[in-house]
Amino acid sequence: MSKIIYIKDGENSKSQLTIDGVQVDSSNYGIDSNIHAIQWEGSSGEIEYNDGTPNKTITDISSFDFTTKHATEKKSNADAEAQAEATRIANRTYAEKRADEYPSTQDQLDKIYHSGIAGWKTTIKAVKDKYPKE
């Protein structure tokens, strides 16, 4: 199971949440204000309080819903990144699309050597026809 560390700085009420070594936005988790720290690893952990309440050993962390919310957040971020990449690809200019498909300079020179200018032109024309000037 996950390794989770939550710490709240008592002076400025800022908190830090790390799940499996990844720092995440702690504002989505609704941690009680009297909790100073939560540490969890494997199947047990501890809650430290900032109001004089004795520390508490815990064997269940599901009430905080860290892993589900974190997984949802990660998926949401991944989906947003994938959408941004799809949009970037869709908005490429014809010149960018051509540049991605043209053979390398070395391969073009090799084509000229083996097939002559006519063979090279055939290869280049296929890319130009696929992505005409806009």
Protein backbone atom coordinates (compact mmCIF):
# COMPACT_ATOMS: atom_id res chain seq x y z
CA MET A 1 0.00 0.00 0.00
CA SER A 2 0.98 3.64 -0.29
CA LYS A 3 3.41 5.64 1.78
CA ILE A 4 1.64 8.82 2.83
CA ILE A 5 3.01 11.78 4.77
CA TYR A 6 0.87 14.79 5.64
CA ILE A 7 2.33 17.68 7.65
CA LYS A 8 0.72 21.00 8.52
CA ASP A 9 2.88 23.96 9.49
CA GLY A 10 1.19 25.34 12.60
CA GLU A 11 2.48 28.88 12.11
CA ASN A 12 0.91 29.61 8.75
CA SER A 13 -1.54 26.70 8.42
CA LYS A 14 0.07 25.55 5.16
CA SER A 15 0.14 21.83 4.65
CA GLN A 16 2.24 19.43 2.65
CA LEU A 17 1.03 16.04 1.42
CA THR A 18 3.26 13.42 -0.17
CA ILE A 19 1.88 10.17 -1.57
CA ASP A 20 4.42 7.60 -2.69
CA GLY A 21 7.06 10.29 -3.04
CA VAL A 22 4.88 12.64 -5.11
CA GLN A 23 3.89 15.95 -3.56
CA VAL A 24 0.20 16.64 -4.17
CA ASP A 25 -2.23 19.45 -3.50
CA SER A 26 -3.38 18.88 0.08
CA SER A 27 -6.38 21.22 -0.17
CA ASN A 28 -8.52 18.49 -1.77
CA TYR A 29 -8.41 16.19 1.24
CA GLY A 30 -10.28 18.07 3.99
CA ILE A 31 -7.96 17.20 6.88
CA ASP A 32 -9.26 18.30 10.31
CA SER A 33 -7.60 21.47 11.55
CA ASN A 34 -6.47 19.82 14.80
CA ILE A 35 -4.27 17.32 12.91
CA HIS A 36 -0.61 18.26 12.66
CA ALA A 37 0.68 15.16 10.84
CA ILE A 38 -0.36 11.83 9.40
CA GLN A 39 2.22 9.21 8.59
CA TRP A 40 1.28 5.97 6.88
CA GLU A 41 3.35 3.16 5.43
CA GLY A 42 2.09 -0.20 4.35
CA SER A 43 -0.66 -1.19 6.74
CA SER A 44 -0.22 1.10 9.74
CA GLY A 45 0.44 4.67 10.68
CA GLU A 46 0.06 7.45 13.19
CA ILE A 47 -1.88 10.69 13.53
CA GLU A 48 -0.28 13.55 15.45
CA TYR A 49 -2.51 16.30 16.79
CA ASN A 50 -1.75 19.96 17.46
CA ASP A 51 -4.35 20.52 20.18
CA GLY A 52 -3.01 18.33 22.97
CA THR A 53 -4.89 15.21 21.84
CA PRO A 54 -2.58 12.18 22.28
CA ASN A 55 -1.09 10.74 19.11
CA LYS A 56 -3.12 7.90 17.65
CA THR A 57 -1.85 4.72 16.03
CA ILE A 58 -4.02 3.73 13.08
CA THR A 59 -4.44 0.55 11.05
CA ASP A 60 -6.90 1.99 8.54
CA ILE A 61 -6.41 5.16 6.54
CA SER A 62 -9.36 4.77 4.19
CA SER A 63 -11.41 7.46 5.97
CA PHE A 64 -9.02 10.08 4.54
CA ASP A 65 -9.48 8.68 1.01
CA PHE A 66 -5.95 9.70 0.03
CA THR A 67 -5.29 7.02 -2.57
CA THR A 68 -8.64 7.29 -4.38
CA LYS A 69 -8.53 11.08 -4.58
CA HIS A 70 -4.87 10.99 -5.60
CA ALA A 71 -5.57 8.44 -8.35
CA THR A 72 -8.48 10.55 -9.60
CA GLU A 73 -6.30 13.68 -9.57
CA LYS A 74 -3.50 11.87 -11.45
CA LYS A 75 -5.95 10.59 -14.08
CA SER A 76 -7.48 14.04 -14.47
CA ASN A 77 -4.02 15.57 -14.97
CA ALA A 78 -3.04 12.84 -17.45
CA ASP A 79 -6.28 13.34 -19.40
CA ALA A 80 -5.69 17.10 -19.53
CA GLU A 81 -2.13 16.57 -20.76
CA ALA A 82 -3.31 14.10 -23.41
CA GLN A 83 -5.97 16.53 -24.59
CA ALA A 84 -3.43 19.36 -24.77
CA GLU A 85 -1.09 17.15 -26.81
CA ALA A 86 -3.93 16.12 -29.15
CA THR A 87 -4.84 19.78 -29.64
CA ARG A 88 -1.19 20.68 -30.30
CA ILE A 89 -0.93 17.93 -32.90
CA ALA A 90 -4.21 18.93 -34.54
CA ASN A 91 -3.09 22.55 -34.77
CA ARG A 92 0.27 21.87 -36.41
CA THR A 93 0.93 23.71 -39.66
CA TYR A 94 1.45 21.89 -42.93
CA ALA A 95 5.16 22.75 -42.69
CA GLU A 96 5.45 21.11 -39.25
CA LYS A 97 3.61 18.01 -40.48
CA ARG A 98 5.87 17.79 -43.51
CA ALA A 99 9.00 18.25 -41.41
CA ASP A 100 7.97 15.29 -39.23
CA GLU A 101 7.59 13.00 -42.26
CA TYR A 102 10.46 14.04 -44.50
CA PRO A 103 13.35 11.57 -44.41
CA SER A 104 16.50 12.75 -42.65
CA THR A 105 19.01 14.69 -44.72
CA GLN A 106 21.30 11.66 -44.71
CA ASP A 107 18.49 9.42 -46.01
CA GLN A 108 17.59 11.98 -48.69
CA LEU A 109 21.18 12.14 -49.91
CA ASP A 110 21.32 8.35 -49.92
CA LYS A 111 18.09 8.31 -51.97
CA ILE A 112 19.63 10.70 -54.50
CA TYR A 113 22.77 8.55 -54.73
CA HIS A 114 20.85 5.30 -55.26
CA SER A 115 17.75 6.50 -57.14
CA GLY A 116 18.80 9.81 -58.64
CA ILE A 117 17.00 13.13 -58.37
CA ALA A 118 13.83 11.63 -59.88
CA GLY A 119 13.61 8.99 -57.14
CA TRP A 120 14.24 11.60 -54.46
CA LYS A 121 11.54 13.87 -55.94
CA THR A 122 9.04 10.98 -55.82
CA THR A 123 9.71 10.47 -52.11
CA ILE A 124 9.44 14.19 -51.31
CA LYS A 125 6.35 14.66 -53.50
CA ALA A 126 4.46 12.00 -51.54
CA VAL A 127 4.92 14.04 -48.34
CA LYS A 128 4.08 17.32 -50.10
CA ASP A 129 0.90 15.77 -51.55
CA LYS A 130 -0.10 14.39 -48.16
CA TYR A 131 0.27 17.85 -46.55
CA PRO A 132 -0.41 20.50 -49.21
CA LYS A 133 0.22 24.17 -48.55
CA GLU A 134 -2.71 25.76 -46.80
